[in-house]
């Protein structure tokens, strides 16, 4: 099983623990990742607000590179997934695609419209299969109550994300939690915005959103939260202490990247998963799993 790998920016920037954790679990799952070193940022939705044509051209450029490799695209960023899916949806218009290809021709590229950007979450459920994942679980996260946090970009707009053709995507993260042996803690905020997109323009509201989601999950008994989005992780983990101070309440809820939670259940060490890089202390969770102190 081979994919054109699009890790996005944050997995090597703000959350550099995500990239190696992903590589390690994919190796165990026999998923081969073909790097695309010349690929660029998706624009993260921000560029598109100012210049949608430029943003879509950047994504079409990446799609053309994947087509040249004759591989589907695998990403580990929900924001990248959402932006790429929306761009690909717009590029189904033949006239618009021709306009974009006019720019790509300057690089000797052409996008034929066959790219299939797919988040690792969906790859695990739809391509690899939960039975295969289960067969590699050597340290089930038994006794851990885990709240799923999808965030925005991997759940809407539903038409661009093809939810009608793939209805199981609405509960894919819960299925992963169950497969790795943890207990799902369902909560209302799991598909809401984490607050990261407004962090630089309205920090107070962003911190209020972090506090709302993490406190809601914790009050329902969650020991940890799992997310497929590194930007959500960045806000929910890195800024959780500031959110707690603003709310005037302690939180202390560990936030795990999805590959980290899977890796722990596969028997990989907290150090291999990069848990030492987290802001919120994960050691109580590790001890609850019987993992020796690092």
Protein backbone atom coordinates (compact mmCIF):
# COMPACT_ATOMS: atom_id res chain seq x y z
CA UNK A 1 0.00 0.00 0.00
CA UNK A 2 1.68 3.18 -1.20
CA UNK A 3 0.74 6.86 -1.04
CA UNK A 4 2.13 10.23 -2.05
CA UNK A 5 2.83 11.68 1.40
CA UNK A 6 1.70 15.22 2.17
CA UNK A 7 2.57 15.85 5.84
CA UNK A 8 1.77 19.56 5.74
CA UNK A 9 3.73 22.29 7.48
CA UNK A 10 2.85 21.86 11.15
CA UNK A 11 4.01 18.24 11.50
CA UNK A 12 7.56 19.47 10.99
CA UNK A 13 7.10 22.89 12.54
CA UNK A 14 4.85 23.57 15.52
CA UNK A 15 4.23 19.85 16.18
CA UNK A 16 7.43 18.10 15.03
CA UNK A 17 6.59 15.01 17.08
CA UNK A 18 3.79 14.15 14.65
CA UNK A 19 5.94 13.41 11.60
CA UNK A 20 8.16 10.67 13.13
CA UNK A 21 5.21 9.17 15.02
CA UNK A 22 3.35 8.84 11.73
CA UNK A 23 6.32 7.29 9.96
CA UNK A 24 6.73 4.70 12.73
CA UNK A 25 3.13 3.51 12.75
CA UNK A 26 2.94 3.49 8.95
CA UNK A 27 6.00 1.25 8.85
CA UNK A 28 4.23 -1.22 11.14
CA UNK A 29 1.08 -0.99 9.03
CA UNK A 30 3.10 -1.60 5.84
CA UNK A 31 2.05 1.76 4.42
CA UNK A 32 4.75 3.10 2.12
CA UNK A 33 4.99 6.89 2.06
CA UNK A 34 6.48 8.53 -1.03
CA UNK A 35 7.62 12.04 -0.17
CA UNK A 36 6.85 15.00 -2.43
CA UNK A 37 9.64 17.40 -1.38
CA UNK A 38 8.64 20.10 -3.88
CA UNK A 39 5.03 20.29 -2.68
CA UNK A 40 3.95 23.54 -1.04
CA UNK A 41 1.58 24.61 1.73
CA UNK A 42 -2.14 24.27 0.95
CA UNK A 43 -2.73 27.86 1.98
CA UNK A 44 -4.52 26.61 5.10
CA UNK A 45 -7.73 28.39 4.07
CA UNK A 46 -6.14 31.74 4.91
CA UNK A 47 -4.63 32.32 1.46
CA UNK A 48 -7.92 31.31 -0.13
CA UNK A 49 -9.73 34.13 1.67
CA UNK A 50 -7.54 36.62 -0.17
CA UNK A 51 -6.90 34.81 -3.46
CA UNK A 52 -8.80 31.58 -4.07
CA UNK A 53 -7.33 31.10 -7.55
CA UNK A 54 -3.79 31.21 -6.19
CA UNK A 55 -4.66 28.81 -3.37
CA UNK A 56 -6.31 26.36 -5.74
CA UNK A 57 -3.37 26.58 -8.15
CA UNK A 58 -0.97 25.68 -5.34
CA UNK A 59 -3.07 22.64 -4.49
CA UNK A 60 -3.49 21.64 -8.13
CA UNK A 61 0.31 21.76 -8.38
CA UNK A 62 0.55 19.21 -5.55
CA UNK A 63 -2.18 17.10 -7.15
CA UNK A 64 -0.27 17.08 -10.44
CA UNK A 65 2.86 15.86 -8.64
CA UNK A 66 0.89 13.00 -7.08
CA UNK A 67 -0.63 12.14 -10.46
CA UNK A 68 2.88 11.96 -11.93
CA UNK A 69 3.70 9.38 -9.23
CA UNK A 70 0.41 7.59 -9.98
CA UNK A 71 -0.36 7.57 -6.26
CA UNK A 72 -3.23 8.75 -4.05
CA UNK A 73 -2.35 11.48 -1.56
CA UNK A 74 -2.13 10.76 2.16
CA UNK A 75 -2.13 13.67 4.60
CA UNK A 76 -1.94 13.82 8.40
CA UNK A 77 -3.45 17.28 8.77
CA UNK A 78 -7.20 17.86 8.93
CA UNK A 79 -6.76 21.44 7.79
CA UNK A 80 -4.77 20.28 4.77
CA UNK A 81 -7.43 17.66 4.07
CA UNK A 82 -10.25 20.18 4.19
CA UNK A 83 -8.47 22.75 2.04
CA UNK A 84 -7.32 20.19 -0.54
CA UNK A 85 -10.77 18.58 -0.73
CA UNK A 86 -12.44 21.94 -1.29
CA UNK A 87 -9.88 22.89 -3.95
CA UNK A 88 -10.32 19.54 -5.69
CA UNK A 89 -14.10 20.01 -5.58
CA UNK A 90 -13.83 23.37 -7.35
CA UNK A 91 -11.34 21.97 -9.86
CA UNK A 92 -14.00 19.58 -11.16
CA UNK A 93 -15.23 22.55 -13.20
CA UNK A 94 -13.50 22.00 -16.61
CA UNK A 95 -13.19 25.73 -17.38
CA UNK A 96 -11.70 26.49 -13.97
CA UNK A 97 -9.32 23.53 -14.24
CA UNK A 98 -8.15 24.75 -17.65
CA UNK A 99 -7.46 28.20 -16.20
CA UNK A 100 -5.43 26.71 -13.34
CA UNK A 101 -3.54 24.43 -15.72
CA UNK A 102 -2.52 27.51 -17.66
CA UNK A 103 -0.47 28.56 -14.65
CA UNK A 104 0.85 25.05 -14.00
CA UNK A 105 2.09 24.81 -17.59
CA UNK A 106 4.79 27.33 -16.70
CA UNK A 107 6.31 24.56 -14.54
CA UNK A 108 5.65 21.86 -17.08
CA UNK A 109 2.82 20.45 -14.97
CA UNK A 110 -0.78 19.55 -15.72
CA UNK A 111 -3.49 18.40 -13.34
CA UNK A 112 -5.82 15.91 -15.01
CA UNK A 113 -8.34 15.85 -12.17
CA UNK A 114 -7.60 12.40 -10.76
CA UNK A 115 -6.09 13.19 -7.36
CA UNK A 116 -7.62 11.66 -4.26
CA UNK A 117 -6.37 13.45 -1.13
CA UNK A 118 -7.10 11.28 1.90
CA UNK A 119 -6.40 11.76 5.58
CA UNK A 120 -4.60 8.99 7.46
CA UNK A 121 -7.74 8.61 9.59
CA UNK A 122 -9.74 7.60 6.52
CA UNK A 123 -6.91 5.50 5.12
CA UNK A 124 -6.84 3.44 8.32
CA UNK A 125 -10.58 2.81 8.33
CA UNK A 126 -11.23 2.48 4.59
CA UNK A 127 -8.00 1.17 3.04
CA UNK A 128 -5.95 -0.57 5.73
CA UNK A 129 -8.95 -1.81 7.69
CA UNK A 130 -9.56 -1.95 11.42
CA UNK A 131 -8.85 -5.69 11.55
CA UNK A 132 -5.30 -5.09 10.32
CA UNK A 133 -4.85 -2.30 12.85
CA UNK A 134 -6.21 -4.48 15.64
CA UNK A 135 -3.76 -7.26 14.76
CA UNK A 136 -0.87 -4.89 15.55
CA UNK A 137 -2.15 -3.76 18.94
CA UNK A 138 0.13 -5.19 21.64
CA UNK A 139 -0.62 -2.74 24.46
CA UNK A 140 -4.34 -1.91 24.33
CA UNK A 141 -5.22 1.38 25.98
CA UNK A 142 -7.58 -0.46 28.31
CA UNK A 143 -9.08 1.66 31.05
CA UNK A 144 -8.30 4.93 29.26
CA UNK A 145 -11.31 7.13 28.58
CA UNK A 146 -10.57 9.08 25.42
CA UNK A 147 -12.49 11.98 23.89
CA UNK A 148 -12.39 12.35 20.08
CA UNK A 149 -11.78 15.83 18.68
CA UNK A 150 -12.26 16.12 14.93
CA UNK A 151 -12.19 19.90 14.66
CA UNK A 152 -13.62 21.71 11.64
CA UNK A 153 -11.88 20.88 8.41
CA UNK A 154 -12.26 17.11 8.35
CA UNK A 155 -16.04 17.16 8.84
CA UNK A 156 -17.29 20.04 6.67
CA UNK A 157 -18.30 20.93 4.05
CA UNK A 158 -19.69 17.41 3.68
CA UNK A 159 -20.06 17.55 -0.11
CA UNK A 160 -16.38 18.35 -0.73
CA UNK A 161 -15.34 15.70 1.81
CA UNK A 162 -17.58 13.08 0.13
CA UNK A 163 -19.44 12.12 3.30
CA UNK A 164 -22.41 10.96 1.23
CA UNK A 165 -20.21 8.32 -0.40
CA UNK A 166 -18.40 7.55 2.86
CA UNK A 167 -20.91 7.86 5.75
CA UNK A 168 -18.55 6.02 8.13
CA UNK A 169 -16.23 9.03 8.11
CA UNK A 170 -18.52 10.70 10.64
CA UNK A 171 -17.49 8.15 13.29
CA UNK A 172 -14.03 7.13 12.03
CA UNK A 173 -12.16 8.55 15.01
CA UNK A 174 -14.42 6.76 17.48
CA UNK A 175 -13.70 3.51 15.62
CA UNK A 176 -9.96 4.10 15.99
CA UNK A 177 -10.36 4.75 19.73
CA UNK A 178 -12.27 1.50 20.17
CA UNK A 179 -9.78 -0.48 18.06
CA UNK A 180 -6.82 0.63 20.18
CA UNK A 181 -8.67 -0.52 23.29
CA UNK A 182 -9.74 2.78 24.84
CA UNK A 183 -13.25 3.87 25.80
CA UNK A 184 -14.91 6.63 23.78
CA UNK A 185 -16.04 9.72 25.70
CA UNK A 186 -18.53 11.42 23.41
CA UNK A 187 -18.99 15.14 23.86
CA UNK A 188 -20.80 17.90 22.00
CA UNK A 189 -17.74 19.93 21.06
CA UNK A 190 -15.91 17.19 19.14
CA UNK A 191 -16.70 18.69 15.71
CA UNK A 192 -16.42 22.35 16.72
CA UNK A 193 -13.55 24.71 15.99
CA UNK A 194 -10.60 24.44 18.38
CA UNK A 195 -10.04 28.21 18.23
CA UNK A 196 -6.73 28.16 16.38
CA UNK A 197 -7.95 30.11 13.31
CA UNK A 198 -8.75 33.15 15.46
CA UNK A 199 -5.77 32.87 17.81
CA UNK A 200 -3.90 35.87 16.40
CA UNK A 201 -6.92 38.16 16.06
CA UNK A 202 -8.97 37.25 19.14
CA UNK A 203 -6.86 35.33 21.62
CA UNK A 204 -9.39 35.67 24.42
CA UNK A 205 -12.13 33.92 22.45
CA UNK A 206 -9.64 31.32 21.22
CA UNK A 207 -8.64 30.49 24.80
CA UNK A 208 -12.31 30.34 25.80
CA UNK A 209 -12.87 27.72 23.10
CA UNK A 210 -9.90 25.66 24.30
CA UNK A 211 -11.21 25.77 27.87
CA UNK A 212 -14.76 24.91 26.81
CA UNK A 213 -13.80 21.80 24.84
CA UNK A 214 -11.21 20.42 27.24
CA UNK A 215 -13.27 21.07 30.37
CA UNK A 216 -16.37 19.55 28.79
CA UNK A 217 -14.46 16.39 27.91
CA UNK A 218 -12.80 16.21 31.31
CA UNK A 219 -16.08 16.71 33.17
CA UNK A 220 -17.46 13.73 31.25
CA UNK A 221 -14.58 11.62 32.55
CA UNK A 222 -12.02 11.82 29.74
CA UNK A 223 -8.43 10.93 30.65
CA UNK A 224 -7.13 12.23 27.32
CA UNK A 225 -8.24 13.72 24.02
CA UNK A 226 -7.23 12.45 20.57
CA UNK A 227 -7.20 14.56 17.41
CA UNK A 228 -6.28 14.00 13.74
CA UNK A 229 -5.44 17.71 13.32
CA UNK A 230 -2.03 19.16 14.32
CA UNK A 231 -3.45 22.70 14.45
CA UNK A 232 -6.11 21.54 16.90
CA UNK A 233 -3.36 19.84 18.90
CA UNK A 234 -1.30 23.01 18.87
CA UNK A 235 -4.13 25.05 20.36
CA UNK A 236 -5.57 22.45 22.74
CA UNK A 237 -2.18 21.38 24.14
CA UNK A 238 0.21 24.32 23.83
CA UNK A 239 -2.30 26.94 24.92
CA UNK A 240 -4.18 24.85 27.47
CA UNK A 241 -2.36 26.37 30.48
CA UNK A 242 -3.23 29.88 29.27
CA UNK A 243 -6.83 28.81 28.66
CA UNK A 244 -7.01 27.35 32.17
CA UNK A 245 -5.66 30.56 33.68
CA UNK A 246 -8.22 32.62 31.77
CA UNK A 247 -11.04 30.29 32.84
CA UNK A 248 -9.81 30.29 36.43
CA UNK A 249 -9.99 26.50 36.52
CA UNK A 250 -7.36 23.74 36.26
CA UNK A 251 -7.62 21.50 33.21
CA UNK A 252 -4.59 19.23 32.70
CA UNK A 253 -6.10 17.11 29.92
CA UNK A 254 -3.43 15.38 27.75
CA UNK A 255 -3.98 15.90 24.01
CA UNK A 256 -2.67 13.14 21.74
CA UNK A 257 -2.10 13.19 18.01
CA UNK A 258 -3.95 10.23 16.53
CA UNK A 259 -0.70 8.49 15.43
CA UNK A 260 0.69 8.87 18.97
CA UNK A 261 -2.27 7.08 20.52
CA UNK A 262 -2.03 4.33 17.92
CA UNK A 263 1.72 4.03 18.43
CA UNK A 264 1.36 3.64 22.19
CA UNK A 265 -1.19 0.87 21.61
CA UNK A 266 1.28 -0.78 19.23
CA UNK A 267 3.84 -0.91 22.03
CA UNK A 268 5.98 2.00 20.88
CA UNK A 269 7.50 4.10 23.65
CA UNK A 270 6.37 7.56 24.76
CA UNK A 271 9.77 8.87 23.67
CA UNK A 272 9.37 7.38 20.19
CA UNK A 273 5.98 9.07 20.02
CA UNK A 274 7.44 12.38 21.16
CA UNK A 275 5.26 12.80 24.23
CA UNK A 276 8.08 14.65 25.96
CA UNK A 277 7.40 17.56 23.60
CA UNK A 278 3.89 18.13 24.91
CA UNK A 279 3.00 21.08 27.11
CA UNK A 280 0.32 19.23 29.09
CA UNK A 281 1.94 16.47 31.16
CA UNK A 282 1.24 13.00 29.73
CA UNK A 283 3.03 11.03 32.47
CA UNK A 284 -0.13 10.24 34.49
CA UNK A 285 -1.60 8.72 31.33
CA UNK A 286 1.57 6.73 30.69
CA UNK A 287 1.60 5.41 34.27
CA UNK A 288 -2.06 4.42 33.96
CA UNK A 289 -1.03 2.30 30.97
CA UNK A 290 1.74 0.67 32.98
CA UNK A 291 4.47 2.35 30.95
CA UNK A 292 7.63 2.84 33.05
CA UNK A 293 8.55 6.42 33.92
CA UNK A 294 10.88 8.02 31.39
